[in-house]
Amino acid sequence: MAKPPEPLAELIPEASLIVFAVVVAVISVGPRPPPPPHAAELPKGATSVGYQSASQKVRLRIERVLKGHTAARELEVEKPVAPYLLEVGNKGPFFLDAQGKIIGRYGPDTHREDEIIQALHR
């Protein structure tokens, strides 16, 4: 079974910068991670196997800053090995650590912007 996304109460303190942004370029893609050790034993079509997608370097066009400060209109950030890949046009809130790495398990569509804003003001 897939893990649920991290709660906002855990993500917000870890994030140095939270931006609402759109992916405008995929700059690079890392090597494909190996399949989970047990994947070959599972029946065809099994779900929640635990496959991971490659790391990526992407350029984000920032529409709004929800937490932190940046004067940049675009940022190059790293998406680590995770269960998702980003594509040009993906849009939503991105949680970034101090090194410019995206944090969170499932990408920009995990948490709604209004929920993040409410959590920031608690």
PDB file of N, CA and C in Angstrom:
ATOM      1  N   MET A   1       0.840  -1.181   0.000  1.00  0.00           N
ATOM      2  CA  MET A   1       0.000   0.000   0.000  1.00  0.00           C
ATOM      3  C   MET A   1       0.888   1.248   0.000  1.00  0.00           C
ATOM      4  N   ALA A   2       0.528   2.234  -0.780  1.00  0.00           N
ATOM      5  CA  ALA A   2       1.309   3.465  -0.884  1.00  0.00           C
ATOM      6  C   ALA A   2       1.224   4.260   0.409  1.00  0.00           C
ATOM      7  N   LYS A   3       2.321   4.931   0.724  1.00  0.00           N
ATOM      8  CA  LYS A   3       2.332   5.800   1.898  1.00  0.00           C
ATOM      9  C   LYS A   3       1.536   7.062   1.585  1.00  0.00           C
ATOM     10  N   PRO A   4       0.817   7.598   2.568  1.00  0.00           N
ATOM     11  CA  PRO A   4       0.112   8.859   2.343  1.00  0.00           C
ATOM     12  C   PRO A   4       1.111  10.008   2.275  1.00  0.00           C
ATOM     13  N   PRO A   5       0.702  11.153   1.730  1.00  0.00           N
ATOM     14  CA  PRO A   5       1.611  12.308   1.729  1.00  0.00           C
ATOM     15  C   PRO A   5       1.899  12.761   3.158  1.00  0.00           C
ATOM     16  N   GLU A   6       3.035  13.404   3.334  1.00  0.00           N
ATOM     17  CA  GLU A   6       3.379  13.925   4.652  1.00  0.00           C
ATOM     18  C   GLU A   6       2.362  14.984   5.056  1.00  0.00           C
ATOM     19  N   PRO A   7       2.026  15.047   6.336  1.00  0.00           N
ATOM     20  CA  PRO A   7       1.118  16.097   6.807  1.00  0.00           C
ATOM     21  C   PRO A   7       1.779  17.467   6.669  1.00  0.00           C
ATOM     22  N   LEU A   8       0.965  18.478   6.443  1.00  0.00           N
ATOM     23  CA  LEU A   8       1.478  19.847   6.342  1.00  0.00           C
ATOM     24  C   LEU A   8       2.252  20.250   7.597  1.00  0.00           C
ATOM     25  N   ALA A   9       1.840  19.751   8.747  1.00  0.00           N
ATOM     26  CA  ALA A   9       2.528  20.092   9.996  1.00  0.00           C
ATOM     27  C   ALA A   9       3.976  19.611   9.989  1.00  0.00           C
ATOM     28  N   GLU A  10       4.303  18.620   9.171  1.00  0.00           N
ATOM     29  CA  GLU A  10       5.685  18.149   9.045  1.00  0.00           C
ATOM     30  C   GLU A  10       6.417  18.868   7.905  1.00  0.00           C
ATOM     31  N   LEU A  11       5.725  19.091   6.786  1.00  0.00           N
ATOM     32  CA  LEU A  11       6.367  19.694   5.619  1.00  0.00           C
ATOM     33  C   LEU A  11       6.703  21.169   5.811  1.00  0.00           C
ATOM     34  N   ILE A  12       5.790  21.926   6.366  1.00  0.00           N
ATOM     35  CA  ILE A  12       5.974  23.374   6.470  1.00  0.00           C
ATOM     36  C   ILE A  12       7.241  23.736   7.258  1.00  0.00           C
ATOM     37  N   PRO A  13       7.497  23.139   8.424  1.00  0.00           N
ATOM     38  CA  PRO A  13       8.727  23.507   9.140  1.00  0.00           C
ATOM     39  C   PRO A  13      10.009  23.115   8.380  1.00  0.00           C
ATOM     40  N   GLU A  14       9.963  22.063   7.585  1.00  0.00           N
ATOM     41  CA  GLU A  14      11.133  21.620   6.823  1.00  0.00           C
ATOM     42  C   GLU A  14      11.406  22.503   5.607  1.00  0.00           C
ATOM     43  N   ALA A  15      10.388  23.197   5.132  1.00  0.00           N
ATOM     44  CA  ALA A  15      10.511  23.994   3.912  1.00  0.00           C
ATOM     45  C   ALA A  15      11.070  25.384   4.214  1.00  0.00           C
ATOM     46  N   SER A  16      12.128  25.746   3.496  1.00  0.00           N
ATOM     47  CA  SER A  16      12.648  27.111   3.576  1.00  0.00           C
ATOM     48  C   SER A  16      11.843  28.035   2.678  1.00  0.00           C
ATOM     49  N   LEU A  17      11.294  27.445   1.609  1.00  0.00           N
ATOM     50  CA  LEU A  17      10.548  28.213   0.617  1.00  0.00           C
ATOM     51  C   LEU A  17       9.376  27.364   0.141  1.00  0.00           C
ATOM     52  N   ILE A  18       8.200  27.955   0.124  1.00  0.00           N
ATOM     53  CA  ILE A  18       7.026  27.309  -0.460  1.00  0.00           C
ATOM     54  C   ILE A  18       6.520  28.248  -1.537  1.00  0.00           C
ATOM     55  N   VAL A  19       6.462  27.749  -2.763  1.00  0.00           N
ATOM     56  CA  VAL A  19       6.030  28.577  -3.888  1.00  0.00           C
ATOM     57  C   VAL A  19       4.916  27.886  -4.653  1.00  0.00           C
ATOM     58  N   PHE A  20       4.023  28.680  -5.190  1.00  0.00           N
ATOM     59  CA  PHE A  20       3.062  28.179  -6.161  1.00  0.00           C
ATOM     60  C   PHE A  20       3.715  28.461  -7.504  1.00  0.00           C
ATOM     61  N   ALA A  21       3.982  27.404  -8.283  1.00  0.00           N
ATOM     62  CA  ALA A  21       4.788  27.565  -9.493  1.00  0.00           C
ATOM     63  C   ALA A  21       4.368  26.564 -10.551  1.00  0.00           C
ATOM     64  N   VAL A  22       4.904  26.772 -11.747  1.00  0.00           N
ATOM     65  CA  VAL A  22       4.668  25.870 -12.869  1.00  0.00           C
ATOM     66  C   VAL A  22       6.029  25.428 -13.406  1.00  0.00           C
ATOM     67  N   VAL A  23       6.122  24.155 -13.776  1.00  0.00           N
ATOM     68  CA  VAL A  23       7.346  23.627 -14.382  1.00  0.00           C
ATOM     69  C   VAL A  23       7.404  24.139 -15.819  1.00  0.00           C
ATOM     70  N   VAL A  24       8.464  24.890 -16.144  1.00  0.00           N
ATOM     71  CA  VAL A  24       8.601  25.432 -17.494  1.00  0.00           C
ATOM     72  C   VAL A  24       9.673  24.700 -18.298  1.00  0.00           C
ATOM     73  N   ALA A  25      10.509  23.902 -17.634  1.00  0.00           N
ATOM     74  CA  ALA A  25      11.527  23.130 -18.360  1.00  0.00           C
ATOM     75  C   ALA A  25      12.008  21.986 -17.493  1.00  0.00           C
ATOM     76  N   VAL A  26      12.240  20.854 -18.133  1.00  0.00           N
ATOM     77  CA  VAL A  26      12.945  19.741 -17.499  1.00  0.00           C
ATOM     78  C   VAL A  26      14.362  19.821 -18.043  1.00  0.00           C
ATOM     79  N   ILE A  27      15.302  20.168 -17.181  1.00  0.00           N
ATOM     80  CA  ILE A  27      16.679  20.413 -17.597  1.00  0.00           C
ATOM     81  C   ILE A  27      17.460  19.107 -17.723  1.00  0.00           C
ATOM     82  N   SER A  28      17.270  18.211 -16.769  1.00  0.00           N
ATOM     83  CA  SER A  28      17.966  16.925 -16.833  1.00  0.00           C
ATOM     84  C   SER A  28      17.196  15.882 -16.046  1.00  0.00           C
ATOM     85  N   VAL A  29      17.461  14.629 -16.394  1.00  0.00           N
ATOM     86  CA  VAL A  29      16.843  13.484 -15.719  1.00  0.00           C
ATOM     87  C   VAL A  29      17.966  12.528 -15.341  1.00  0.00           C
ATOM     88  N   GLY A  30      17.977  12.105 -14.089  1.00  0.00           N
ATOM     89  CA  GLY A  30      18.998  11.181 -13.609  1.00  0.00           C
ATOM     90  C   GLY A  30      18.736   9.763 -14.083  1.00  0.00           C
ATOM     91  N   PRO A  31      19.592   8.843 -13.693  1.00  0.00           N
ATOM     92  CA  PRO A  31      19.414   7.445 -14.082  1.00  0.00           C
ATOM     93  C   PRO A  31      18.168   6.844 -13.429  1.00  0.00           C
ATOM     94  N   ARG A  32      17.592   5.886 -14.122  1.00  0.00           N
ATOM     95  CA  ARG A  32      16.395   5.219 -13.605  1.00  0.00           C
ATOM     96  C   ARG A  32      16.776   4.358 -12.402  1.00  0.00           C
ATOM     97  N   PRO A  33      16.072   4.532 -11.275  1.00  0.00           N
ATOM     98  CA  PRO A  33      16.369   3.715 -10.098  1.00  0.00           C
ATOM     99  C   PRO A  33      16.012   2.246 -10.355  1.00  0.00           C
ATOM    100  N   PRO A  34      16.685   1.331  -9.684  1.00  0.00           N
ATOM    101  CA  PRO A  34      16.364  -0.085  -9.859  1.00  0.00           C
ATOM    102  C   PRO A  34      14.965  -0.391  -9.322  1.00  0.00           C
ATOM    103  N   PRO A  35      14.335  -1.453  -9.828  1.00  0.00           N
ATOM    104  CA  PRO A  35      13.017  -1.818  -9.295  1.00  0.00           C
ATOM    105  C   PRO A  35      13.138  -2.291  -7.848  1.00  0.00           C
ATOM    106  N   PRO A  36      12.050  -2.209  -7.102  1.00  0.00           N
ATOM    107  CA  PRO A  36      12.077  -2.720  -5.729  1.00  0.00           C
ATOM    108  C   PRO A  36      12.438  -4.212  -5.744  1.00  0.00           C
ATOM    109  N   PRO A  37      13.132  -4.694  -4.740  1.00  0.00           N
ATOM    110  CA  PRO A  37      13.603  -6.086  -4.742  1.00  0.00           C
ATOM    111  C   PRO A  37      12.490  -7.125  -4.911  1.00  0.00           C
ATOM    112  N   HIS A  38      11.318  -6.842  -4.427  1.00  0.00           N
ATOM    113  CA  HIS A  38      10.218  -7.808  -4.466  1.00  0.00           C
ATOM    114  C   HIS A  38       9.341  -7.685  -5.722  1.00  0.00           C
ATOM    115  N   ALA A  39       9.621  -6.713  -6.580  1.00  0.00           N
ATOM    116  CA  ALA A  39       8.738  -6.424  -7.715  1.00  0.00           C
ATOM    117  C   ALA A  39       8.587  -7.615  -8.660  1.00  0.00           C
ATOM    118  N   ALA A  40       9.640  -8.358  -8.896  1.00  0.00           N
ATOM    119  CA  ALA A  40       9.576  -9.487  -9.834  1.00  0.00           C
ATOM    120  C   ALA A  40       8.674 -10.611  -9.327  1.00  0.00           C
ATOM    121  N   GLU A  41       8.467 -10.675  -8.041  1.00  0.00           N
ATOM    122  CA  GLU A  41       7.648 -11.740  -7.452  1.00  0.00           C
ATOM    123  C   GLU A  41       6.155 -11.437  -7.487  1.00  0.00           C
ATOM    124  N   LEU A  42       5.794 -10.199  -7.767  1.00  0.00           N
ATOM    125  CA  LEU A  42       4.384  -9.797  -7.726  1.00  0.00           C
ATOM    126  C   LEU A  42       3.692 -10.084  -9.051  1.00  0.00           C
ATOM    127  N   PRO A  43       2.378 -10.316  -9.015  1.00  0.00           N
ATOM    128  CA  PRO A  43       1.651 -10.572 -10.262  1.00  0.00           C
ATOM    129  C   PRO A  43       1.592  -9.336 -11.146  1.00  0.00           C
ATOM    130  N   LYS A  44       1.442  -9.567 -12.446  1.00  0.00           N
ATOM    131  CA  LYS A  44       1.332  -8.464 -13.398  1.00  0.00           C
ATOM    132  C   LYS A  44       0.137  -7.579 -13.013  1.00  0.00           C
ATOM    133  N   GLY A  45       0.339  -6.262 -13.058  1.00  0.00           N
ATOM    134  CA  GLY A  45      -0.722  -5.317 -12.724  1.00  0.00           C
ATOM    135  C   GLY A  45      -0.812  -4.977 -11.247  1.00  0.00           C
ATOM    136  N   ALA A  46       0.099  -5.513 -10.431  1.00  0.00           N
ATOM    137  CA  ALA A  46       0.077  -5.200  -9.000  1.00  0.00           C
ATOM    138  C   ALA A  46       0.280  -3.700  -8.796  1.00  0.00           C
ATOM    139  N   THR A  47      -0.392  -3.148  -7.810  1.00  0.00           N
ATOM    140  CA  THR A  47      -0.266  -1.725  -7.513  1.00  0.00           C
ATOM    141  C   THR A  47       0.512  -1.533  -6.222  1.00  0.00           C
ATOM    142  N   SER A  48       0.910  -0.315  -5.952  1.00  0.00           N
ATOM    143  CA  SER A  48       1.660   0.036  -4.746  1.00  0.00           C
ATOM    144  C   SER A  48       2.910  -0.820  -4.594  1.00  0.00           C
ATOM    145  N   VAL A  49       3.601  -1.049  -5.707  1.00  0.00           N
ATOM    146  CA  VAL A  49       4.789  -1.892  -5.716  1.00  0.00           C
ATOM    147  C   VAL A  49       5.981  -1.151  -5.107  1.00  0.00           C
ATOM    148  N   GLY A  50       6.035   0.144  -5.268  1.00  0.00           N
ATOM    149  CA  GLY A  50       7.128   0.923  -4.716  1.00  0.00           C
ATOM    150  C   GLY A  50       8.161   1.353  -5.733  1.00  0.00           C
ATOM    151  N   TYR A  51       7.785   1.345  -7.032  1.00  0.00           N
ATOM    152  CA  TYR A  51       8.714   1.837  -8.052  1.00  0.00           C
ATOM    153  C   TYR A  51       9.011   3.302  -7.798  1.00  0.00           C
ATOM    154  N   GLN A  52      10.234   3.705  -8.111  1.00  0.00           N
ATOM    155  CA  GLN A  52      10.656   5.095  -7.973  1.00  0.00           C
ATOM    156  C   GLN A  52      11.005   5.647  -9.349  1.00  0.00           C
ATOM    157  N   SER A  53      10.835   6.946  -9.505  1.00  0.00           N
ATOM    158  CA  SER A  53      11.211   7.631 -10.737  1.00  0.00           C
ATOM    159  C   SER A  53      12.527   8.364 -10.512  1.00  0.00           C
ATOM    160  N   ALA A  54      13.222   8.618 -11.596  1.00  0.00           N
ATOM    161  CA  ALA A  54      14.538   9.242 -11.545  1.00  0.00           C
ATOM    162  C   ALA A  54      14.488  10.642 -10.951  1.00  0.00           C
ATOM    163  N   SER A  55      15.637  11.067 -10.466  1.00  0.00           N
ATOM    164  CA  SER A  55      15.767  12.462 -10.037  1.00  0.00           C
ATOM    165  C   SER A  55      15.691  13.350 -11.281  1.00  0.00           C
ATOM    166  N   GLN A  56      15.378  14.602 -11.075  1.00  0.00           N
ATOM    167  CA  GLN A  56      15.291  15.563 -12.178  1.00  0.00           C
ATOM    168  C   GLN A  56      15.782  16.922 -11.709  1.00  0.00           C
ATOM    169  N   LYS A  57      16.273  17.698 -12.648  1.00  0.00           N
ATOM    170  CA  LYS A  57      16.520  19.116 -12.426  1.00  0.00           C
ATOM    171  C   LYS A  57      15.508  19.836 -13.298  1.00  0.00           C
ATOM    172  N   VAL A  58      14.705  20.707 -12.681  1.00  0.00           N
ATOM    173  CA  VAL A  58      13.649  21.398 -13.413  1.00  0.00           C
ATOM    174  C   VAL A  58      13.706  22.894 -13.144  1.00  0.00           C
ATOM    175  N   ARG A  59      13.141  23.651 -14.060  1.00  0.00           N
ATOM    176  CA  ARG A  59      13.013  25.096 -13.880  1.00  0.00           C
ATOM    177  C   ARG A  59      11.558  25.400 -13.553  1.00  0.00           C
ATOM    178  N   LEU A  60      11.362  26.110 -12.455  1.00  0.00           N
ATOM    179  CA  LEU A  60      10.029  26.530 -12.027  1.00  0.00           C
ATOM    180  C   LEU A  60       9.856  28.017 -12.309  1.00  0.00           C
ATOM    181  N   ARG A  61       8.705  28.387 -12.857  1.00  0.00           N
ATOM    182  CA  ARG A  61       8.322  29.797 -12.951  1.00  0.00           C
ATOM    183  C   ARG A  61       7.414  30.074 -11.752  1.00  0.00           C
ATOM    184  N   ILE A  62       7.842  30.980 -10.914  1.00  0.00           N
ATOM    185  CA  ILE A  62       7.138  31.260  -9.663  1.00  0.00           C
ATOM    186  C   ILE A  62       5.977  32.200  -9.915  1.00  0.00           C
ATOM    187  N   GLU A  63       4.804  31.781  -9.463  1.00  0.00           N
ATOM    188  CA  GLU A  63       3.620  32.630  -9.560  1.00  0.00           C
ATOM    189  C   GLU A  63       3.347  33.357  -8.244  1.00  0.00           C
ATOM    190  N   ARG A  64       3.559  32.658  -7.128  1.00  0.00           N
ATOM    191  CA  ARG A  64       3.357  33.251  -5.802  1.00  0.00           C
ATOM    192  C   ARG A  64       4.301  32.582  -4.806  1.00  0.00           C
ATOM    193  N   VAL A  65       4.772  33.368  -3.851  1.00  0.00           N
ATOM    194  CA  VAL A  65       5.564  32.832  -2.747  1.00  0.00           C
ATOM    195  C   VAL A  65       4.627  32.720  -1.549  1.00  0.00           C
ATOM    196  N   LEU A  66       4.521  31.519  -1.009  1.00  0.00           N
ATOM    197  CA  LEU A  66       3.644  31.284   0.141  1.00  0.00           C
ATOM    198  C   LEU A  66       4.403  31.335   1.458  1.00  0.00           C
ATOM    199  N   LYS A  67       5.692  30.968   1.427  1.00  0.00           N
ATOM    200  CA  LYS A  67       6.558  31.024   2.620  1.00  0.00           C
ATOM    201  C   LYS A  67       7.975  31.299   2.158  1.00  0.00           C
ATOM    202  N   GLY A  68       8.685  32.148   2.900  1.00  0.00           N
ATOM    203  CA  GLY A  68      10.066  32.461   2.568  1.00  0.00           C
ATOM    204  C   GLY A  68      10.148  33.649   1.632  1.00  0.00           C
ATOM    205  N   HIS A  69      11.344  33.875   1.086  1.00  0.00           N
ATOM    206  CA  HIS A  69      11.570  35.024   0.223  1.00  0.00           C
ATOM    207  C   HIS A  69      12.457  34.629  -0.946  1.00  0.00           C
ATOM    208  N   THR A  70      12.114  35.103  -2.111  1.00  0.00           N
ATOM    209  CA  THR A  70      12.969  35.004  -3.282  1.00  0.00           C
ATOM    210  C   THR A  70      12.598  36.137  -4.234  1.00  0.00           C
ATOM    211  N   ALA A  71      13.614  36.744  -4.800  1.00  0.00           N
ATOM    212  CA  ALA A  71      13.376  37.787  -5.799  1.00  0.00           C
ATOM    213  C   ALA A  71      13.315  37.179  -7.197  1.00  0.00           C
ATOM    214  N   ALA A  72      13.701  35.916  -7.306  1.00  0.00           N
ATOM    215  CA  ALA A  72      13.756  35.252  -8.614  1.00  0.00           C
ATOM    216  C   ALA A  72      12.351  35.003  -9.147  1.00  0.00           C
ATOM    217  N   ARG A  73      12.209  35.146 -10.460  1.00  0.00           N
ATOM    218  CA  ARG A  73      10.941  34.792 -11.112  1.00  0.00           C
ATOM    219  C   ARG A  73      10.968  33.328 -11.534  1.00  0.00           C
ATOM    220  N   GLU A  74      12.175  32.790 -11.696  1.00  0.00           N
ATOM    221  CA  GLU A  74      12.351  31.374 -12.037  1.00  0.00           C
ATOM    222  C   GLU A  74      13.454  30.801 -11.158  1.00  0.00           C
ATOM    223  N   LEU A  75      13.303  29.524 -10.809  1.00  0.00           N
ATOM    224  CA  LEU A  75      14.299  28.817 -10.004  1.00  0.00           C
ATOM    225  C   LEU A  75      14.583  27.467 -10.643  1.00  0.00           C
ATOM    226  N   GLU A  76      15.853  27.062 -10.626  1.00  0.00           N
ATOM    227  CA  GLU A  76      16.207  25.696 -10.996  1.00  0.00           C
ATOM    228  C   GLU A  76      16.293  24.909  -9.701  1.00  0.00           C
ATOM    229  N   VAL A  77      15.536  23.814  -9.633  1.00  0.00           N
ATOM    230  CA  VAL A  77      15.453  23.014  -8.413  1.00  0.00           C
ATOM    231  C   VAL A  77      15.643  21.538  -8.752  1.00  0.00           C
ATOM    232  N   GLU A  78      15.929  20.770  -7.710  1.00  0.00           N
ATOM    233  CA  GLU A  78      16.113  19.327  -7.874  1.00  0.00           C
ATOM    234  C   GLU A  78      14.898  18.591  -7.332  1.00  0.00           C
ATOM    235  N   LYS A  79      14.383  17.660  -8.142  1.00  0.00           N
ATOM    236  CA  LYS A  79      13.374  16.718  -7.667  1.00  0.00           C
ATOM    237  C   LYS A  79      14.135  15.426  -7.402  1.00  0.00           C
ATOM    238  N   PRO A  80      14.189  14.978  -6.148  1.00  0.00           N
ATOM    239  CA  PRO A  80      14.942  13.759  -5.860  1.00  0.00           C
ATOM    240  C   PRO A  80      14.235  12.521  -6.405  1.00  0.00           C
ATOM    241  N   VAL A  81      14.902  11.385  -6.294  1.00  0.00           N
ATOM    242  CA  VAL A  81      14.251  10.117  -6.627  1.00  0.00           C
ATOM    243  C   VAL A  81      12.976  10.052  -5.802  1.00  0.00           C
ATOM    244  N   ALA A  82      11.855   9.800  -6.457  1.00  0.00           N
ATOM    245  CA  ALA A  82      10.547   9.811  -5.805  1.00  0.00           C
ATOM    246  C   ALA A  82       9.566   9.025  -6.678  1.00  0.00           C
ATOM    247  N   PRO A  83       8.353   8.780  -6.193  1.00  0.00           N
ATOM    248  CA  PRO A  83       7.387   8.001  -6.966  1.00  0.00           C
ATOM    249  C   PRO A  83       6.752   8.747  -8.138  1.00  0.00           C
ATOM    250  N   TYR A  84       7.232   9.907  -8.504  1.00  0.00           N
ATOM    251  CA  TYR A  84       6.611  10.680  -9.584  1.00  0.00           C
ATOM    252  C   TYR A  84       7.680  11.335 -10.445  1.00  0.00           C
ATOM    253  N   LEU A  85       7.318  11.716 -11.661  1.00  0.00           N
ATOM    254  CA  LEU A  85       8.146  12.534 -12.539  1.00  0.00           C
ATOM    255  C   LEU A  85       7.425  13.845 -12.786  1.00  0.00           C
ATOM    256  N   LEU A  86       8.177  14.908 -12.947  1.00  0.00           N
ATOM    257  CA  LEU A  86       7.597  16.191 -13.306  1.00  0.00           C
ATOM    258  C   LEU A  86       7.674  16.380 -14.812  1.00  0.00           C
ATOM    259  N   GLU A  87       6.684  17.081 -15.354  1.00  0.00           N
ATOM    260  CA  GLU A  87       6.638  17.409 -16.774  1.00  0.00           C
ATOM    261  C   GLU A  87       6.364  18.898 -16.910  1.00  0.00           C
ATOM    262  N   VAL A  88       6.755  19.456 -18.051  1.00  0.00           N
ATOM    263  CA  VAL A  88       6.440  20.846 -18.339  1.00  0.00           C
ATOM    264  C   VAL A  88       4.920  21.014 -18.224  1.00  0.00           C
ATOM    265  N   GLY A  89       4.512  22.045 -17.507  1.00  0.00           N
ATOM    266  CA  GLY A  89       3.090  22.313 -17.312  1.00  0.00           C
ATOM    267  C   GLY A  89       2.579  21.872 -15.957  1.00  0.00           C
ATOM    268  N   ASN A  90       3.305  20.982 -15.236  1.00  0.00           N
ATOM    269  CA  ASN A  90       2.875  20.639 -13.882  1.00  0.00           C
ATOM    270  C   ASN A  90       2.860  21.906 -13.046  1.00  0.00           C
ATOM    271  N   LYS A  91       1.799  22.083 -12.289  1.00  0.00           N
ATOM    272  CA  LYS A  91       1.582  23.340 -11.584  1.00  0.00           C
ATOM    273  C   LYS A  91       1.058  23.055 -10.188  1.00  0.00           C
ATOM    274  N   GLY A  92       1.463  23.873  -9.248  1.00  0.00           N
ATOM    275  CA  GLY A  92       0.966  23.733  -7.895  1.00  0.00           C
ATOM    276  C   GLY A  92       1.962  24.227  -6.889  1.00  0.00           C
ATOM    277  N   PRO A  93       1.730  23.917  -5.607  1.00  0.00           N
ATOM    278  CA  PRO A  93       2.662  24.330  -4.568  1.00  0.00           C
ATOM    279  C   PRO A  93       3.868  23.392  -4.512  1.00  0.00           C
ATOM    280  N   PHE A  94       5.047  23.984  -4.426  1.00  0.00           N
ATOM    281  CA  PHE A  94       6.296  23.231  -4.291  1.00  0.00           C
ATOM    282  C   PHE A  94       6.936  23.625  -2.968  1.00  0.00           C
ATOM    283  N   PHE A  95       7.308  22.635  -2.177  1.00  0.00           N
ATOM    284  CA  PHE A  95       7.995  22.825  -0.908  1.00  0.00           C
ATOM    285  C   PHE A  95       9.475  22.591  -1.185  1.00  0.00           C
ATOM    286  N   LEU A  96      10.309  23.591  -0.883  1.00  0.00           N
ATOM    287  CA  LEU A  96      11.737  23.514  -1.177  1.00  0.00           C
ATOM    288  C   LEU A  96      12.548  23.643   0.098  1.00  0.00           C
ATOM    289  N   ASP A  97      13.588  22.796   0.217  1.00  0.00           N
ATOM    290  CA  ASP A  97      14.475  22.928   1.369  1.00  0.00           C
ATOM    291  C   ASP A  97      15.519  24.000   1.093  1.00  0.00           C
ATOM    292  N   ALA A  98      16.425  24.214   2.028  1.00  0.00           N
ATOM    293  CA  ALA A  98      17.412  25.291   1.915  1.00  0.00           C
ATOM    294  C   ALA A  98      18.377  25.090   0.753  1.00  0.00           C
ATOM    295  N   GLN A  99      18.529  23.862   0.265  1.00  0.00           N
ATOM    296  CA  GLN A  99      19.420  23.573  -0.858  1.00  0.00           C
ATOM    297  C   GLN A  99      18.706  23.601  -2.210  1.00  0.00           C
ATOM    298  N   GLY A 100      17.428  23.941  -2.224  1.00  0.00           N
ATOM    299  CA  GLY A 100      16.686  24.001  -3.482  1.00  0.00           C
ATOM    300  C   GLY A 100      16.204  22.645  -3.957  1.00  0.00           C
ATOM    301  N   LYS A 101      16.008  21.724  -3.029  1.00  0.00           N
ATOM    302  CA  LYS A 101      15.485  20.404  -3.364  1.00  0.00           C
ATOM    303  C   LYS A 101      14.011  20.348  -2.991  1.00  0.00           C
ATOM    304  N   ILE A 102      13.202  19.782  -3.875  1.00  0.00           N
ATOM    305  CA  ILE A 102      11.781  19.614  -3.601  1.00  0.00           C
ATOM    306  C   ILE A 102      11.630  18.561  -2.518  1.00  0.00           C
ATOM    307  N   ILE A 103      10.840  18.879  -1.504  1.00  0.00           N
ATOM    308  CA  ILE A 103      10.553  17.910  -0.454  1.00  0.00           C
ATOM    309  C   ILE A 103       9.080  17.523  -0.552  1.00  0.00           C
ATOM    310  N   GLY A 104       8.751  16.391  -0.012  1.00  0.00           N
ATOM    311  CA  GLY A 104       7.395  15.854  -0.104  1.00  0.00           C
ATOM    312  C   GLY A 104       7.400  14.653  -1.029  1.00  0.00           C
ATOM    313  N   ARG A 105       6.582  13.696  -0.730  1.00  0.00           N
ATOM    314  CA  ARG A 105       6.592  12.420  -1.437  1.00  0.00           C
ATOM    315  C   ARG A 105       6.002  12.443  -2.835  1.00  0.00           C
ATOM    316  N   TYR A 106       4.965  13.254  -3.072  1.00  0.00           N
ATOM    317  CA  TYR A 106       4.180  13.053  -4.284  1.00  0.00           C
ATOM    318  C   TYR A 106       4.018  14.245  -5.198  1.00  0.00           C
ATOM    319  N   GLY A 107       4.798  15.260  -5.088  1.00  0.00           N
ATOM    320  CA  GLY A 107       4.756  16.327  -6.077  1.00  0.00           C
ATOM    321  C   GLY A 107       3.835  17.468  -5.739  1.00  0.00           C
ATOM    322  N   PRO A 108       3.651  18.364  -6.702  1.00  0.00           N
ATOM    323  CA  PRO A 108       2.972  19.632  -6.427  1.00  0.00           C
ATOM    324  C   PRO A 108       1.468  19.536  -6.244  1.00  0.00           C
ATOM    325  N   ASP A 109       0.850  18.419  -6.572  1.00  0.00           N
ATOM    326  CA  ASP A 109      -0.607  18.348  -6.449  1.00  0.00           C
ATOM    327  C   ASP A 109      -1.058  17.675  -5.157  1.00  0.00           C
ATOM    328  N   THR A 110      -0.148  17.449  -4.221  1.00  0.00           N
ATOM    329  CA  THR A 110      -0.483  16.737  -2.994  1.00  0.00           C
ATOM    330  C   THR A 110      -1.368  17.554  -2.065  1.00  0.00           C
ATOM    331  N   HIS A 111      -1.031  18.805  -1.868  1.00  0.00           N
ATOM    332  CA  HIS A 111      -1.773  19.655  -0.936  1.00  0.00           C
ATOM    333  C   HIS A 111      -2.360  20.852  -1.675  1.00  0.00           C
ATOM    334  N   ARG A 112      -3.584  21.211  -1.329  1.00  0.00           N
ATOM    335  CA  ARG A 112      -4.233  22.377  -1.946  1.00  0.00           C
ATOM    336  C   ARG A 112      -3.640  23.664  -1.377  1.00  0.00           C
ATOM    337  N   GLU A 113      -3.589  24.681  -2.228  1.00  0.00           N
ATOM    338  CA  GLU A 113      -3.009  25.958  -1.822  1.00  0.00           C
ATOM    339  C   GLU A 113      -3.748  26.558  -0.629  1.00  0.00           C
ATOM    340  N   ASP A 114      -5.074  26.497  -0.609  1.00  0.00           N
ATOM    341  CA  ASP A 114      -5.824  27.078   0.503  1.00  0.00           C
ATOM    342  C   ASP A 114      -5.522  26.367   1.819  1.00  0.00           C
ATOM    343  N   GLU A 115      -5.284  25.051   1.786  1.00  0.00           N
ATOM    344  CA  GLU A 115      -4.928  24.313   3.003  1.00  0.00           C
ATOM    345  C   GLU A 115      -3.558  24.749   3.515  1.00  0.00           C
ATOM    346  N   ILE A 116      -2.624  24.981   2.584  1.00  0.00           N
ATOM    347  CA  ILE A 116      -1.283  25.415   2.978  1.00  0.00           C
ATOM    348  C   ILE A 116      -1.357  26.792   3.631  1.00  0.00           C
ATOM    349  N   ILE A 117      -2.095  27.697   3.020  1.00  0.00           N
ATOM    350  CA  ILE A 117      -2.220  29.057   3.574  1.00  0.00           C
ATOM    351  C   ILE A 117      -2.853  29.017   4.958  1.00  0.00           C
ATOM    352  N   GLN A 118      -3.876  28.206   5.146  1.00  0.00           N
ATOM    353  CA  GLN A 118      -4.492  28.069   6.475  1.00  0.00           C
ATOM    354  C   GLN A 118      -3.481  27.547   7.489  1.00  0.00           C
ATOM    355  N   ALA A 119      -2.716  26.526   7.081  1.00  0.00           N
ATOM    356  CA  ALA A 119      -1.727  25.930   7.988  1.00  0.00           C
ATOM    357  C   ALA A 119      -0.616  26.926   8.329  1.00  0.00           C
ATOM    358  N   LEU A 120      -0.245  27.783   7.391  1.00  0.00           N
ATOM    359  CA  LEU A 120       0.795  28.779   7.640  1.00  0.00           C
ATOM    360  C   LEU A 120       0.346  29.830   8.653  1.00  0.00           C
ATOM    361  N   HIS A 121      -0.958  30.049   8.759  1.00  0.00           N
ATOM    362  CA  HIS A 121      -1.471  31.099   9.641  1.00  0.00           C
ATOM    363  C   HIS A 121      -1.957  30.559  10.987  1.00  0.00           C
ATOM    364  N   ARG A 122      -1.661  29.323  11.263  1.00  0.00           N
ATOM    365  CA  ARG A 122      -2.054  28.754  12.574  1.00  0.00           C
ATOM    366  C   ARG A 122      -1.042  29.091  13.617  1.00  0.00           C
TER     367      ARG A 122
END
